[in-house]
Amino acid sequence: CHCKAVRRIVDHRIDLSVPGFSDHEGFRVVPADTEALKDCVCRFRYYVDVTILKKKHIHADHSRGAIRDPLDTHGVNYLAINDGRMVGAVRRNKLAEEQAASAADVDAAQLFDRARADRMAITTMPTMLPEYRGTKGAVHLMSAYARHCYKAGVEVDLIVCDEPSIPFFERLGYLAHSGWAFHRDSGRVRPMFLAWDAVNYMHSILSPLSSAAREHVYDDQYGGYDLIRRLANGPTLGSTRLAAAQYRRAIQKHADVQG
């Protein structure tokens, strides 16, 4: 079994146990708000991206077996833990941060209103163990991440996805807003965005994030549908393409009436 083979490599190459959570059973997502947890995230990134996936990272510290970059200075990392072991991680920065703004070109952030940069997020370093990709574990991580974003007042999220990751993020409600770009660590990527207030759209595509959306905002609270009308491309996934097209037509009709 491929999954068993992956787990043997994991057990042999890195200690995935999380300080303070070794006796915890089940799945949970926690902010990496201590130095020990931040170190776990950096080592986990290196293990998955460099050791397993053989990616090249400009900020990889091969002597320590860790990846830490300038966005970690102010970024908030989240760690997914299953039965006391690291299985996933993701990071959030605000576009208003100096390091995030300087790194945002590949996200095509210039298409958005930078006056709202303190309420726009950049999501980076989404990392899962291979056997957890596309599983409920990955969904649980992003659902918990969404709730943290809502509580932090995030209105729009930017992310870049490699081609295999696009269907997963489209199912969550993300939409592409520009063509392919090149990322120095990930290669060919597609910039995408999520309007966190597109509550009914998320519900219509059965997004796992829709329940979190309904808990925290009302539909189109931040004017997210105008962003979708002006910027969204696709989606490519058949199950979400029809819903996205219907919403864009309805939004355009509403804009025409208002105009």
Protein backbone atom coordinates (compact mmCIF):
# COMPACT_ATOMS: atom_id res chain seq x y z
CA CYS A 1 0.00 0.00 0.00
CA HIS A 2 1.39 3.41 -0.97
CA CYS A 3 0.07 5.05 2.20
CA LYS A 4 1.88 2.56 4.42
CA ALA A 5 5.09 3.14 2.49
CA VAL A 6 4.75 6.88 3.02
CA ARG A 7 4.19 6.39 6.73
CA ARG A 8 7.30 4.25 7.03
CA ILE A 9 9.32 7.07 5.47
CA VAL A 10 7.69 9.59 7.79
CA ASP A 11 8.49 7.58 10.92
CA HIS A 12 12.07 7.00 9.80
CA ARG A 13 12.96 10.51 8.61
CA ILE A 14 11.34 12.95 11.04
CA ASP A 15 9.75 13.01 14.45
CA LEU A 16 6.25 14.29 13.73
CA SER A 17 5.19 14.41 17.38
CA VAL A 18 4.08 17.84 18.58
CA PRO A 19 5.28 19.18 21.94
CA GLY A 20 2.36 19.41 24.34
CA PHE A 21 0.05 17.35 22.11
CA SER A 22 1.63 13.90 22.23
CA ASP A 23 -1.25 12.48 24.30
CA HIS A 24 -3.98 14.15 22.26
CA GLU A 25 -6.30 11.88 20.29
CA GLY A 26 -8.16 12.93 17.18
CA PHE A 27 -7.79 15.79 14.70
CA ARG A 28 -7.33 19.44 15.66
CA VAL A 29 -5.90 22.66 14.23
CA VAL A 30 -3.98 25.06 16.48
CA PRO A 31 -2.21 28.39 15.91
CA ALA A 32 1.56 27.95 16.01
CA ASP A 33 1.89 30.66 18.66
CA THR A 34 4.96 29.39 20.52
CA GLU A 35 8.54 29.03 19.34
CA ALA A 36 8.28 25.26 19.70
CA LEU A 37 5.20 25.09 17.47
CA LYS A 38 6.71 27.53 14.94
CA ASP A 39 9.75 25.28 14.74
CA CYS A 40 7.45 22.30 14.15
CA VAL A 41 5.84 24.10 11.21
CA CYS A 42 9.21 25.03 9.65
CA ARG A 43 10.55 21.47 9.98
CA PHE A 44 7.29 20.03 8.66
CA ARG A 45 7.43 22.23 5.55
CA TYR A 46 10.96 21.09 4.84
CA TYR A 47 10.12 17.45 5.35
CA VAL A 48 7.13 17.47 2.98
CA ASP A 49 8.33 19.87 0.29
CA VAL A 50 12.05 19.10 0.17
CA THR A 51 12.49 15.58 1.53
CA ILE A 52 9.37 13.98 0.05
CA LEU A 53 8.41 16.14 -2.93
CA LYS A 54 11.99 17.15 -3.87
CA LYS A 55 11.04 20.80 -4.33
CA LYS A 56 13.65 23.53 -4.28
CA HIS A 57 13.09 26.38 -1.83
CA ILE A 58 15.24 29.49 -1.80
CA HIS A 59 14.81 29.74 1.98
CA ALA A 60 15.38 26.06 2.77
CA ASP A 61 17.87 25.56 5.60
CA HIS A 62 19.33 22.18 4.74
CA SER A 63 21.54 22.06 7.83
CA ARG A 64 18.50 22.38 10.14
CA GLY A 65 15.98 20.71 7.89
CA ALA A 66 13.61 23.68 8.06
CA ILE A 67 11.98 26.33 5.84
CA ARG A 68 11.52 29.79 7.35
CA ASP A 69 11.09 32.87 5.14
CA PRO A 70 10.42 36.61 5.63
CA LEU A 71 6.64 36.12 5.69
CA ASP A 72 7.06 34.21 8.96
CA THR A 73 8.05 37.45 10.70
CA HIS A 74 4.43 38.61 10.98
CA GLY A 75 2.57 35.63 9.52
CA VAL A 76 0.24 33.44 11.56
CA ASN A 77 0.86 29.72 11.06
CA TYR A 78 -1.65 27.00 11.78
CA LEU A 79 -0.72 23.41 12.48
CA ALA A 80 -2.97 20.41 11.83
CA ILE A 81 -2.43 17.62 14.36
CA ASN A 82 -3.82 14.11 14.23
CA ASP A 83 -3.29 11.84 17.24
CA GLY A 84 -0.45 14.04 18.45
CA ARG A 85 1.40 14.15 15.13
CA MET A 86 1.86 16.89 12.52
CA VAL A 87 -0.12 16.24 9.34
CA GLY A 88 -0.60 19.71 7.82
CA ALA A 89 0.11 23.43 8.07
CA VAL A 90 -0.86 26.72 6.44
CA ARG A 91 0.11 30.39 6.90
CA ARG A 92 -1.77 33.70 6.75
CA ASN A 93 -0.36 37.18 6.26
CA LYS A 94 -2.09 40.52 5.77
CA LEU A 95 -1.43 42.25 2.48
CA ALA A 96 -0.73 45.44 4.45
CA GLU A 97 2.46 43.92 5.88
CA GLU A 98 5.64 45.13 4.18
CA GLN A 99 6.97 41.61 3.55
CA ALA A 100 3.62 40.42 2.21
CA ALA A 101 3.17 43.42 -0.08
CA SER A 102 6.62 42.91 -1.58
CA ALA A 103 5.89 39.23 -2.19
CA ALA A 104 2.40 39.74 -3.62
CA ASP A 105 3.23 40.41 -7.28
CA VAL A 106 2.75 36.79 -8.25
CA ASP A 107 -0.72 36.92 -6.61
CA ALA A 108 -1.71 39.73 -9.01
CA ALA A 109 -2.67 41.74 -5.93
CA GLN A 110 -2.61 44.96 -7.96
CA LEU A 111 -6.06 44.01 -9.29
CA PHE A 112 -7.54 44.57 -5.83
CA ASP A 113 -8.18 47.71 -3.80
CA ARG A 114 -4.99 48.18 -1.80
CA ALA A 115 -6.79 50.63 0.48
CA ARG A 116 -8.30 47.52 2.04
CA ALA A 117 -4.95 45.76 2.37
CA ASP A 118 -5.31 45.39 6.13
CA ARG A 119 -8.41 43.25 5.49
CA MET A 120 -6.90 41.20 2.68
CA ALA A 121 -4.97 38.03 3.41
CA ILE A 122 -2.32 36.11 1.53
CA THR A 123 -2.43 32.38 2.18
CA THR A 124 0.87 30.60 1.67
CA MET A 125 2.65 27.36 2.44
CA PRO A 126 -0.43 25.06 2.49
CA THR A 127 1.31 21.78 3.27
CA MET A 128 -0.09 18.30 3.90
CA LEU A 129 1.46 14.88 4.29
CA PRO A 130 0.93 13.07 0.98
CA GLU A 131 -1.51 10.58 2.47
CA TYR A 132 -3.72 13.41 3.76
CA ARG A 133 -4.02 15.41 0.53
CA GLY A 134 -7.54 15.67 -0.76
CA THR A 135 -8.89 13.96 2.36
CA LYS A 136 -11.18 15.14 5.14
CA GLY A 137 -8.02 16.11 7.03
CA ALA A 138 -7.18 18.74 4.42
CA VAL A 139 -10.78 19.99 4.51
CA HIS A 140 -10.70 20.17 8.32
CA LEU A 141 -7.49 22.22 8.17
CA MET A 142 -8.94 24.76 5.72
CA SER A 143 -12.27 24.92 7.57
CA ALA A 144 -10.51 25.74 10.84
CA TYR A 145 -8.32 28.20 8.96
CA ALA A 146 -11.44 29.88 7.54
CA ARG A 147 -12.89 30.44 11.00
CA HIS A 148 -9.64 32.06 12.13
CA CYS A 149 -9.73 34.30 9.03
CA TYR A 150 -13.30 35.39 9.74
CA LYS A 151 -12.45 36.20 13.34
CA ALA A 152 -9.47 38.24 12.12
CA GLY A 153 -11.74 40.32 9.87
CA VAL A 154 -10.41 39.01 6.56
CA GLU A 155 -12.58 40.02 3.58
CA VAL A 156 -10.56 38.63 0.64
CA ASP A 157 -7.92 35.94 0.49
CA LEU A 158 -5.24 35.54 -2.19
CA ILE A 159 -3.43 32.30 -2.92
CA VAL A 160 -1.37 30.79 -5.74
CA CYS A 161 -2.01 27.16 -6.64
CA ASP A 162 -0.11 24.68 -8.73
CA GLU A 163 -2.25 22.86 -11.25
CA PRO A 164 -2.99 19.73 -9.15
CA SER A 165 -4.24 21.91 -6.26
CA ILE A 166 -6.70 24.02 -8.26
CA PRO A 167 -9.71 21.63 -8.08
CA PHE A 168 -9.43 21.39 -4.29
CA PHE A 169 -9.44 25.16 -3.83
CA GLU A 170 -12.20 25.65 -6.41
CA ARG A 171 -14.35 23.29 -4.33
CA LEU A 172 -13.73 25.59 -1.35
CA GLY A 173 -14.89 28.64 -3.34
CA TYR A 174 -11.65 30.13 -4.65
CA LEU A 175 -11.68 31.51 -8.20
CA ALA A 176 -8.82 32.32 -10.56
CA HIS A 177 -8.43 36.01 -11.35
CA SER A 178 -5.50 36.04 -13.77
CA GLY A 179 -3.48 33.76 -16.02
CA TRP A 180 -0.62 31.48 -15.17
CA ALA A 181 2.37 32.93 -13.33
CA PHE A 182 5.76 31.68 -12.21
CA HIS A 183 6.61 31.22 -8.55
CA ARG A 184 10.26 30.76 -7.64
CA ASP A 185 9.56 27.83 -5.32
CA SER A 186 6.45 26.24 -6.85
CA GLY A 187 7.02 26.86 -10.58
CA ARG A 188 3.91 27.35 -12.74
CA VAL A 189 1.01 28.55 -10.60
CA ARG A 190 -2.42 30.15 -10.96
CA PRO A 191 -3.32 33.16 -8.75
CA MET A 192 -6.74 32.69 -7.11
CA PHE A 193 -8.90 34.61 -4.66
CA LEU A 194 -11.73 33.91 -2.26
CA ALA A 195 -14.38 36.50 -1.44
CA TRP A 196 -15.12 35.48 2.14
CA ASP A 197 -18.60 37.03 1.99
CA ALA A 198 -19.79 35.04 -1.05
CA VAL A 199 -21.90 33.00 1.34
CA ASN A 200 -24.63 31.85 -1.05
CA TYR A 201 -22.09 30.97 -3.73
CA MET A 202 -20.18 28.77 -1.28
CA HIS A 203 -23.44 27.14 -0.26
CA SER A 204 -24.45 26.51 -3.87
CA ILE A 205 -21.21 24.64 -4.66
CA LEU A 206 -21.36 22.74 -1.34
CA SER A 207 -18.14 24.34 -0.16
CA PRO A 208 -16.91 22.95 3.17
CA LEU A 209 -16.35 26.60 4.17
CA SER A 210 -19.99 27.62 3.77
CA SER A 211 -20.95 26.84 7.37
CA ALA A 212 -18.14 29.03 8.68
CA ALA A 213 -19.21 31.77 6.28
CA ARG A 214 -22.82 31.68 7.48
CA GLU A 215 -21.65 31.89 11.10
CA HIS A 216 -19.63 35.07 10.62
CA VAL A 217 -20.91 37.22 7.73
CA TYR A 218 -24.00 37.82 5.66
CA ASP A 219 -24.03 37.35 1.91
CA ASP A 220 -22.11 40.06 0.00
CA GLN A 221 -21.34 41.93 3.24
CA TYR A 222 -18.05 43.27 1.84
CA GLY A 223 -19.09 43.56 -1.80
CA GLY A 224 -17.38 40.32 -2.76
CA TYR A 225 -19.73 39.65 -5.66
CA ASP A 226 -18.47 42.73 -7.42
CA LEU A 227 -14.98 41.22 -7.27
CA ILE A 228 -16.32 37.98 -8.72
CA ARG A 229 -18.12 39.87 -11.49
CA ARG A 230 -15.03 41.89 -12.43
CA LEU A 231 -12.19 39.46 -11.90
CA ALA A 232 -13.22 35.81 -11.74
CA ASN A 233 -12.18 33.35 -14.43
CA GLY A 234 -13.47 29.80 -14.67
CA PRO A 235 -13.72 27.78 -12.59
CA THR A 236 -12.31 24.80 -14.43
CA LEU A 237 -14.03 22.18 -12.29
CA GLY A 238 -17.29 21.08 -13.88
CA SER A 239 -19.19 20.78 -10.60
CA THR A 240 -18.57 24.44 -9.75
CA ARG A 241 -18.51 25.96 -13.25
CA LEU A 242 -22.30 26.15 -13.66
CA ALA A 243 -22.88 27.73 -10.23
CA ALA A 244 -20.13 30.30 -10.83
CA ALA A 245 -21.58 31.21 -14.25
CA GLN A 246 -25.06 31.63 -12.79
CA TYR A 247 -23.78 33.89 -10.05
CA ARG A 248 -21.78 36.03 -12.45
CA ARG A 249 -24.87 36.51 -14.67
CA ALA A 250 -27.02 37.43 -11.68
CA ILE A 251 -24.38 39.81 -10.36
CA GLN A 252 -23.95 41.44 -13.76
CA LYS A 253 -27.72 41.85 -14.12
CA HIS A 254 -27.87 43.49 -10.69
CA ALA A 255 -24.98 45.81 -11.62
CA ASP A 256 -26.72 46.78 -14.87
CA VAL A 257 -29.94 47.63 -12.98
CA GLN A 258 -28.04 49.68 -10.42
CA GLY A 259 -26.12 51.45 -13.20
